[in-house]
């Protein structure tokens, strides 16, 4: 009989200790303040401050601009919560993060839902139906700001890369130009005399032949001189 009561007593002690520990642990966490997931909403504070001004009261244009900036900040928080939710769920299932961070995330979602409803009502108080397009306008403004920030970073990144990797040499772009000949080497210049072109005309006679032919042409023999030469022979 004692051998049966010992395991039963052991199980009761273990489960009772776990139940007592869980009760006090949940009670302590319930009294613990939840750390905010986002920092203080400065755009909302600015709008509320301008709305409460009475001497002098803020103009409608200023209040509308402050409300638009508040909506832009809300859109940023919506995108942040959308990106972090799946990752936090996976980490919570693996036990990598505690319940405090998850509770802070859930509180931020509820607070943002109330913020969106309030901004929608404030926009409709200025112009009826403006609350339906306000967040779309805020999304376009946020995308424009991101694009402008990227465009402003391009010259800085270019300068940083030039310093990191070094500038290209100025002569590197003219590498296709013909190289100059080495010193001490003179390129032969073509002669200015005209080259003889091949033709089918007969070759010119030599100087001796020219002299004989010129003499024969200059002093032709007459018939009398021919007879005198025969008599002499």
C-alpha atoms as a PDB file:
ATOM      1  CA  UNK A   1       0.000   0.000   0.000  1.00  0.00           C
ATOM      2  CA  UNK A   2       2.862   2.381   0.826  1.00  0.00           C
ATOM      3  CA  UNK A   3       4.431   1.668  -2.582  1.00  0.00           C
ATOM      4  CA  UNK A   4       1.263   2.987  -4.322  1.00  0.00           C
ATOM      5  CA  UNK A   5       0.889   6.140  -2.210  1.00  0.00           C
ATOM      6  CA  UNK A   6       4.443   7.342  -2.776  1.00  0.00           C
ATOM      7  CA  UNK A   7       4.089   7.927  -6.575  1.00  0.00           C
ATOM      8  CA  UNK A   8       0.658   9.512  -6.087  1.00  0.00           C
ATOM      9  CA  UNK A   9       2.035  11.849  -3.446  1.00  0.00           C
ATOM     10  CA  UNK A  10       4.967  12.719  -5.716  1.00  0.00           C
ATOM     11  CA  UNK A  11       2.647  13.609  -8.622  1.00  0.00           C
ATOM     12  CA  UNK A  12       0.462  15.772  -6.405  1.00  0.00           C
ATOM     13  CA  UNK A  13       3.459  17.671  -5.056  1.00  0.00           C
ATOM     14  CA  UNK A  14       4.888  18.297  -8.562  1.00  0.00           C
ATOM     15  CA  UNK A  15       1.632  19.493 -10.110  1.00  0.00           C
ATOM     16  CA  UNK A  16       0.743  21.547  -7.033  1.00  0.00           C
ATOM     17  CA  UNK A  17       4.093  23.301  -7.163  1.00  0.00           C
ATOM     18  CA  UNK A  18       3.690  24.037 -10.887  1.00  0.00           C
ATOM     19  CA  UNK A  19       0.165  25.401 -10.350  1.00  0.00           C
ATOM     20  CA  UNK A  20       1.302  27.648  -7.485  1.00  0.00           C
ATOM     21  CA  UNK A  21       4.273  28.951  -9.477  1.00  0.00           C
ATOM     22  CA  UNK A  22       2.094  29.691 -12.534  1.00  0.00           C
ATOM     23  CA  UNK A  23      -0.484  31.530 -10.440  1.00  0.00           C
ATOM     24  CA  UNK A  24       2.016  33.888  -8.852  1.00  0.00           C
ATOM     25  CA  UNK A  25       3.899  34.332 -12.157  1.00  0.00           C
ATOM     26  CA  UNK A  26       0.760  35.427 -14.019  1.00  0.00           C
ATOM     27  CA  UNK A  27      -0.231  37.689 -11.176  1.00  0.00           C
ATOM     28  CA  UNK A  28       3.121  39.416 -11.215  1.00  0.00           C
ATOM     29  CA  UNK A  29       3.031  39.871 -15.006  1.00  0.00           C
ATOM     30  CA  UNK A  30      -0.496  41.296 -14.802  1.00  0.00           C
ATOM     31  CA  UNK A  31       0.669  44.011 -12.442  1.00  0.00           C
ATOM     32  CA  UNK A  32       3.769  44.702 -14.527  1.00  0.00           C
ATOM     33  CA  UNK A  33       3.327  47.657 -16.937  1.00  0.00           C
ATOM     34  CA  UNK A  34       3.545  46.800 -20.621  1.00  0.00           C
ATOM     35  CA  UNK A  35       6.438  48.453 -22.400  1.00  0.00           C
ATOM     36  CA  UNK A  36       5.189  50.385 -25.460  1.00  0.00           C
ATOM     37  CA  UNK A  37       6.060  48.853 -28.810  1.00  0.00           C
ATOM     38  CA  UNK A  38       6.390  52.242 -30.522  1.00  0.00           C
ATOM     39  CA  UNK A  39       7.932  55.466 -29.197  1.00  0.00           C
ATOM     40  CA  UNK A  40       5.845  58.478 -28.348  1.00  0.00           C
ATOM     41  CA  UNK A  41       3.568  59.699 -31.157  1.00  0.00           C
ATOM     42  CA  UNK A  42       4.962  63.216 -31.674  1.00  0.00           C
ATOM     43  CA  UNK A  43       2.781  63.964 -34.708  1.00  0.00           C
ATOM     44  CA  UNK A  44      -0.370  63.272 -32.697  1.00  0.00           C
ATOM     45  CA  UNK A  45       0.872  65.450 -29.846  1.00  0.00           C
ATOM     46  CA  UNK A  46       1.608  68.272 -32.309  1.00  0.00           C
ATOM     47  CA  UNK A  47      -1.881  68.101 -33.799  1.00  0.00           C
ATOM     48  CA  UNK A  48      -3.558  68.063 -30.394  1.00  0.00           C
ATOM     49  CA  UNK A  49      -1.440  71.022 -29.250  1.00  0.00           C
ATOM     50  CA  UNK A  50      -2.387  73.045 -32.328  1.00  0.00           C
ATOM     51  CA  UNK A  51      -6.030  72.081 -31.919  1.00  0.00           C
ATOM     52  CA  UNK A  52      -6.066  73.327 -28.332  1.00  0.00           C
ATOM     53  CA  UNK A  53      -4.487  76.679 -29.123  1.00  0.00           C
ATOM     54  CA  UNK A  54      -6.863  79.568 -28.544  1.00  0.00           C
ATOM     55  CA  UNK A  55      -4.653  82.662 -28.480  1.00  0.00           C
ATOM     56  CA  UNK A  56      -4.283  82.886 -31.425  1.00  0.00           C
ATOM     57  CA  UNK A  57      -6.130  79.855 -32.793  1.00  0.00           C
ATOM     58  CA  UNK A  58      -4.388  77.776 -35.433  1.00  0.00           C
ATOM     59  CA  UNK A  59      -5.606  78.146 -38.987  1.00  0.00           C
ATOM     60  CA  UNK A  60      -7.378  75.354 -40.820  1.00  0.00           C
ATOM     61  CA  UNK A  61      -4.503  75.005 -43.298  1.00  0.00           C
ATOM     62  CA  UNK A  62      -2.044  74.437 -40.453  1.00  0.00           C
ATOM     63  CA  UNK A  63      -4.336  71.941 -38.765  1.00  0.00           C
ATOM     64  CA  UNK A  64      -4.846  70.044 -42.036  1.00  0.00           C
ATOM     65  CA  UNK A  65      -1.093  69.879 -42.612  1.00  0.00           C
ATOM     66  CA  UNK A  66      -0.551  68.578 -39.076  1.00  0.00           C
ATOM     67  CA  UNK A  67      -3.288  65.983 -39.587  1.00  0.00           C
ATOM     68  CA  UNK A  68      -1.681  64.799 -42.827  1.00  0.00           C
ATOM     69  CA  UNK A  69       1.672  64.374 -41.069  1.00  0.00           C
ATOM     70  CA  UNK A  70      -0.107  62.437 -38.343  1.00  0.00           C
ATOM     71  CA  UNK A  71      -1.629  60.137 -40.970  1.00  0.00           C
ATOM     72  CA  UNK A  72       1.800  59.607 -42.562  1.00  0.00           C
ATOM     73  CA  UNK A  73       3.197  58.506 -39.188  1.00  0.00           C
ATOM     74  CA  UNK A  74       0.241  56.140 -38.768  1.00  0.00           C
ATOM     75  CA  UNK A  75       0.907  54.577 -42.187  1.00  0.00           C
ATOM     76  CA  UNK A  76       4.528  53.986 -41.176  1.00  0.00           C
ATOM     77  CA  UNK A  77       3.370  52.191 -38.050  1.00  0.00           C
ATOM     78  CA  UNK A  78       0.859  50.098 -40.007  1.00  0.00           C
ATOM     79  CA  UNK A  79       3.612  48.906 -42.349  1.00  0.00           C
ATOM     80  CA  UNK A  80       5.893  48.196 -39.402  1.00  0.00           C
ATOM     81  CA  UNK A  81       3.277  46.072 -37.628  1.00  0.00           C
ATOM     82  CA  UNK A  82       2.481  44.212 -40.848  1.00  0.00           C
ATOM     83  CA  UNK A  83       6.138  43.293 -41.353  1.00  0.00           C
ATOM     84  CA  UNK A  84       6.833  42.329 -37.719  1.00  0.00           C
ATOM     85  CA  UNK A  85       3.749  40.255 -36.984  1.00  0.00           C
ATOM     86  CA  UNK A  86       4.706  37.070 -38.838  1.00  0.00           C
ATOM     87  CA  UNK A  87       8.272  37.184 -37.567  1.00  0.00           C
ATOM     88  CA  UNK A  88       7.144  37.666 -33.963  1.00  0.00           C
ATOM     89  CA  UNK A  89       4.719  34.765 -34.221  1.00  0.00           C
ATOM     90  CA  UNK A  90       7.470  32.451 -35.458  1.00  0.00           C
ATOM     91  CA  UNK A  91       9.867  33.576 -32.739  1.00  0.00           C
ATOM     92  CA  UNK A  92       7.199  33.180 -30.073  1.00  0.00           C
ATOM     93  CA  UNK A  93       6.462  29.613 -31.180  1.00  0.00           C
ATOM     94  CA  UNK A  94      10.170  28.756 -31.010  1.00  0.00           C
ATOM     95  CA  UNK A  95      10.501  30.386 -27.598  1.00  0.00           C
ATOM     96  CA  UNK A  96      13.043  32.950 -28.780  1.00  0.00           C
ATOM     97  CA  UNK A  97      11.023  35.887 -27.410  1.00  0.00           C
ATOM     98  CA  UNK A  98       8.932  36.224 -24.290  1.00  0.00           C
ATOM     99  CA  UNK A  99       5.288  37.008 -23.775  1.00  0.00           C
ATOM    100  CA  UNK A 100       6.103  40.589 -22.836  1.00  0.00           C
ATOM    101  CA  UNK A 101       7.069  41.528 -26.379  1.00  0.00           C
ATOM    102  CA  UNK A 102       4.018  39.796 -27.826  1.00  0.00           C
ATOM    103  CA  UNK A 103       1.686  41.557 -25.392  1.00  0.00           C
ATOM    104  CA  UNK A 104       3.323  44.862 -26.266  1.00  0.00           C
ATOM    105  CA  UNK A 105       2.728  44.112 -29.941  1.00  0.00           C
ATOM    106  CA  UNK A 106      -0.945  43.337 -29.366  1.00  0.00           C
ATOM    107  CA  UNK A 107      -1.381  46.529 -27.341  1.00  0.00           C
ATOM    108  CA  UNK A 108       0.232  48.515 -30.178  1.00  0.00           C
ATOM    109  CA  UNK A 109      -2.243  47.004 -32.663  1.00  0.00           C
ATOM    110  CA  UNK A 110      -5.228  48.014 -30.548  1.00  0.00           C
ATOM    111  CA  UNK A 111      -3.855  51.503 -30.018  1.00  0.00           C
ATOM    112  CA  UNK A 112      -3.240  51.938 -33.742  1.00  0.00           C
ATOM    113  CA  UNK A 113      -6.786  50.851 -34.579  1.00  0.00           C
ATOM    114  CA  UNK A 114      -8.155  53.524 -32.248  1.00  0.00           C
ATOM    115  CA  UNK A 115      -5.728  56.053 -33.768  1.00  0.00           C
ATOM    116  CA  UNK A 116      -6.951  55.337 -37.298  1.00  0.00           C
ATOM    117  CA  UNK A 117     -10.575  55.777 -36.276  1.00  0.00           C
ATOM    118  CA  UNK A 118      -9.752  59.077 -34.586  1.00  0.00           C
ATOM    119  CA  UNK A 119      -7.805  60.427 -37.579  1.00  0.00           C
ATOM    120  CA  UNK A 120     -10.653  59.414 -39.893  1.00  0.00           C
ATOM    121  CA  UNK A 121     -13.147  61.329 -37.763  1.00  0.00           C
ATOM    122  CA  UNK A 122     -10.896  64.397 -37.563  1.00  0.00           C
ATOM    123  CA  UNK A 123     -10.503  64.460 -41.354  1.00  0.00           C
ATOM    124  CA  UNK A 124     -14.251  64.283 -41.886  1.00  0.00           C
ATOM    125  CA  UNK A 125     -14.690  67.184 -39.473  1.00  0.00           C
ATOM    126  CA  UNK A 126     -12.756  69.421 -41.891  1.00  0.00           C
ATOM    127  CA  UNK A 127     -14.143  68.149 -45.196  1.00  0.00           C
ATOM    128  CA  UNK A 128     -16.833  65.512 -45.524  1.00  0.00           C
ATOM    129  CA  UNK A 129     -15.382  62.379 -47.143  1.00  0.00           C
ATOM    130  CA  UNK A 130     -11.744  63.432 -46.722  1.00  0.00           C
ATOM    131  CA  UNK A 131     -11.103  60.598 -44.273  1.00  0.00           C
ATOM    132  CA  UNK A 132     -11.608  58.021 -47.031  1.00  0.00           C
ATOM    133  CA  UNK A 133      -8.725  59.385 -49.138  1.00  0.00           C
ATOM    134  CA  UNK A 134      -6.491  60.760 -46.381  1.00  0.00           C
ATOM    135  CA  UNK A 135      -4.569  57.549 -45.761  1.00  0.00           C
ATOM    136  CA  UNK A 136      -4.147  56.976 -49.493  1.00  0.00           C
ATOM    137  CA  UNK A 137      -2.621  60.437 -49.770  1.00  0.00           C
ATOM    138  CA  UNK A 138      -0.397  59.693 -46.774  1.00  0.00           C
ATOM    139  CA  UNK A 139       0.812  56.460 -48.428  1.00  0.00           C
ATOM    140  CA  UNK A 140       1.736  58.356 -51.611  1.00  0.00           C
ATOM    141  CA  UNK A 141       3.600  60.980 -49.587  1.00  0.00           C
ATOM    142  CA  UNK A 142       5.523  58.291 -47.733  1.00  0.00           C
ATOM    143  CA  UNK A 143       6.523  56.587 -50.993  1.00  0.00           C
ATOM    144  CA  UNK A 144       7.632  59.956 -52.404  1.00  0.00           C
ATOM    145  CA  UNK A 145       9.780  60.630 -49.338  1.00  0.00           C
ATOM    146  CA  UNK A 146      11.466  57.236 -49.641  1.00  0.00           C
ATOM    147  CA  UNK A 147      12.207  57.789 -53.331  1.00  0.00           C
ATOM    148  CA  UNK A 148      13.648  61.237 -52.651  1.00  0.00           C
ATOM    149  CA  UNK A 149      15.802  59.880 -49.830  1.00  0.00           C
ATOM    150  CA  UNK A 150      17.218  57.212 -52.155  1.00  0.00           C
ATOM    151  CA  UNK A 151      17.919  59.810 -54.860  1.00  0.00           C
ATOM    152  CA  UNK A 152      19.737  62.020 -52.343  1.00  0.00           C
ATOM    153  CA  UNK A 153      21.898  59.100 -51.237  1.00  0.00           C
ATOM    154  CA  UNK A 154      23.138  58.335 -54.769  1.00  0.00           C
ATOM    155  CA  UNK A 155      25.845  61.101 -54.893  1.00  0.00           C
ATOM    156  CA  UNK A 156      27.046  60.151 -51.408  1.00  0.00           C
ATOM    157  CA  UNK A 157      27.289  56.491 -52.332  1.00  0.00           C
ATOM    158  CA  UNK A 158      29.100  57.375 -55.551  1.00  0.00           C
ATOM    159  CA  UNK A 159      31.658  59.482 -53.685  1.00  0.00           C
ATOM    160  CA  UNK A 160      32.099  56.748 -51.076  1.00  0.00           C
ATOM    161  CA  UNK A 161      32.688  54.124 -53.766  1.00  0.00           C
ATOM    162  CA  UNK A 162      35.198  56.359 -55.548  1.00  0.00           C
ATOM    163  CA  UNK A 163      37.123  56.736 -52.315  1.00  0.00           C
ATOM    164  CA  UNK A 164      36.888  53.018 -51.561  1.00  0.00           C
ATOM    165  CA  UNK A 165      37.748  51.595 -54.984  1.00  0.00           C
ATOM    166  CA  UNK A 166      39.697  54.530 -56.414  1.00  0.00           C
ATOM    167  CA  UNK A 167      38.963  56.768 -59.372  1.00  0.00           C
ATOM    168  CA  UNK A 168      39.612  55.620 -62.925  1.00  0.00           C
ATOM    169  CA  UNK A 169      42.694  57.048 -64.603  1.00  0.00           C
ATOM    170  CA  UNK A 170      41.967  59.866 -67.071  1.00  0.00           C
ATOM    171  CA  UNK A 171      43.809  58.011 -69.859  1.00  0.00           C
ATOM    172  CA  UNK A 172      41.819  54.867 -69.326  1.00  0.00           C
ATOM    173  CA  UNK A 173      38.981  56.199 -71.428  1.00  0.00           C
ATOM    174  CA  UNK A 174      41.323  57.007 -74.393  1.00  0.00           C
ATOM    175  CA  UNK A 175      42.826  53.537 -74.607  1.00  0.00           C
ATOM    176  CA  UNK A 176      41.653  53.128 -78.210  1.00  0.00           C
ATOM    177  CA  UNK A 177      43.977  55.918 -79.475  1.00  0.00           C
ATOM    178  CA  UNK A 178      47.022  54.673 -81.546  1.00  0.00           C
ATOM    179  CA  UNK A 179      50.140  54.307 -79.493  1.00  0.00           C
ATOM    180  CA  UNK A 180      53.053  56.649 -80.267  1.00  0.00           C
ATOM    181  CA  UNK A 181      56.213  54.986 -81.716  1.00  0.00           C
ATOM    182  CA  UNK A 182      59.100  54.403 -79.316  1.00  0.00           C
ATOM    183  CA  UNK A 183      61.895  56.948 -79.041  1.00  0.00           C
ATOM    184  CA  UNK A 184      64.785  56.450 -81.446  1.00  0.00           C
ATOM    185  CA  UNK A 185      62.607  54.915 -84.095  1.00  0.00           C
ATOM    186  CA  UNK A 186      61.709  56.988 -87.147  1.00  0.00           C
ATOM    187  CA  UNK A 187      58.938  55.888 -89.388  1.00  0.00           C
ATOM    188  CA  UNK A 188      59.943  55.919 -93.066  1.00  0.00           C
ATOM    189  CA  UNK A 189      58.227  58.622 -95.054  1.00  0.00           C
ATOM    190  CA  UNK A 190      56.970  57.776 -98.522  1.00  0.00           C
ATOM    191  CA  UNK A 191      58.889  59.404-101.393  1.00  0.00           C
ATOM    192  CA  UNK A 192      57.262  62.252-103.212  1.00  0.00           C
ATOM    193  CA  UNK A 193      58.445  61.131-106.662  1.00  0.00           C
ATOM    194  CA  UNK A 194      55.667  59.659-108.721  1.00  0.00           C
ATOM    195  CA  UNK A 195      55.797  55.926-109.157  1.00  0.00           C
ATOM    196  CA  UNK A 196      56.018  54.500-112.656  1.00  0.00           C
ATOM    197  CA  UNK A 197      52.815  52.895-113.557  1.00  0.00           C
ATOM    198  CA  UNK A 198      52.999  49.735-115.612  1.00  0.00           C
ATOM    199  CA  UNK A 199      51.989  50.265-119.210  1.00  0.00           C
ATOM    200  CA  UNK A 200      52.149  48.455-122.539  1.00  0.00           C
ATOM    201  CA  UNK A 201      54.417  51.076-124.216  1.00  0.00           C
ATOM    202  CA  UNK A 202      57.814  49.788-125.523  1.00  0.00           C
ATOM    203  CA  UNK A 203      60.943  50.489-123.481  1.00  0.00           C
ATOM    204  CA  UNK A 204      62.835  53.676-124.137  1.00  0.00           C
ATOM    205  CA  UNK A 205      66.047  53.306-126.200  1.00  0.00           C
ATOM    206  CA  UNK A 206      69.380  53.692-124.508  1.00  0.00           C
ATOM    207  CA  UNK A 207      71.646  56.733-124.689  1.00  0.00           C
ATOM    208  CA  UNK A 208      73.951  55.144-127.372  1.00  0.00           C
ATOM    209  CA  UNK A 209      71.147  54.276-129.618  1.00  0.00           C
ATOM    210  CA  UNK A 210      69.783  57.762-129.224  1.00  0.00           C
ATOM    211  CA  UNK A 211      73.132  59.221-130.303  1.00  0.00           C
ATOM    212  CA  UNK A 212      73.430  57.019-133.370  1.00  0.00           C
ATOM    213  CA  UNK A 213      69.929  57.642-134.425  1.00  0.00           C
ATOM    214  CA  UNK A 214      70.330  61.368-133.953  1.00  0.00           C
ATOM    215  CA  UNK A 215      73.505  61.409-136.021  1.00  0.00           C
ATOM    216  CA  UNK A 216      71.953  59.384-138.774  1.00  0.00           C
ATOM    217  CA  UNK A 217      69.035  61.684-138.840  1.00  0.00           C
ATOM    218  CA  UNK A 218      71.176  64.818-138.703  1.00  0.00           C
ATOM    219  CA  UNK A 219      73.526  63.862-141.644  1.00  0.00           C
ATOM    220  CA  UNK A 220      71.796  61.771-144.233  1.00  0.00           C
ATOM    221  CA  UNK A 221      74.027  60.425-147.067  1.00  0.00           C
ATOM    222  CA  UNK A 222      73.415  61.765-150.573  1.00  0.00           C
ATOM    223  CA  UNK A 223      73.875  59.597-153.712  1.00  0.00           C
ATOM    224  CA  UNK A 224      77.084  61.522-154.703  1.00  0.00           C
ATOM    225  CA  UNK A 225      78.792  60.907-151.462  1.00  0.00           C
ATOM    226  CA  UNK A 226      77.943  57.265-151.839  1.00  0.00           C
ATOM    227  CA  UNK A 227      79.650  57.107-155.276  1.00  0.00           C
ATOM    228  CA  UNK A 228      82.795  58.868-153.998  1.00  0.00           C
ATOM    229  CA  UNK A 229      83.084  56.373-151.293  1.00  0.00           C
ATOM    230  CA  UNK A 230      82.920  53.533-153.787  1.00  0.00           C
ATOM    231  CA  UNK A 231      85.691  55.070-155.952  1.00  0.00           C
ATOM    232  CA  UNK A 232      87.972  55.473-152.950  1.00  0.00           C
ATOM    233  CA  UNK A 233      87.592  51.809-152.225  1.00  0.00           C
END
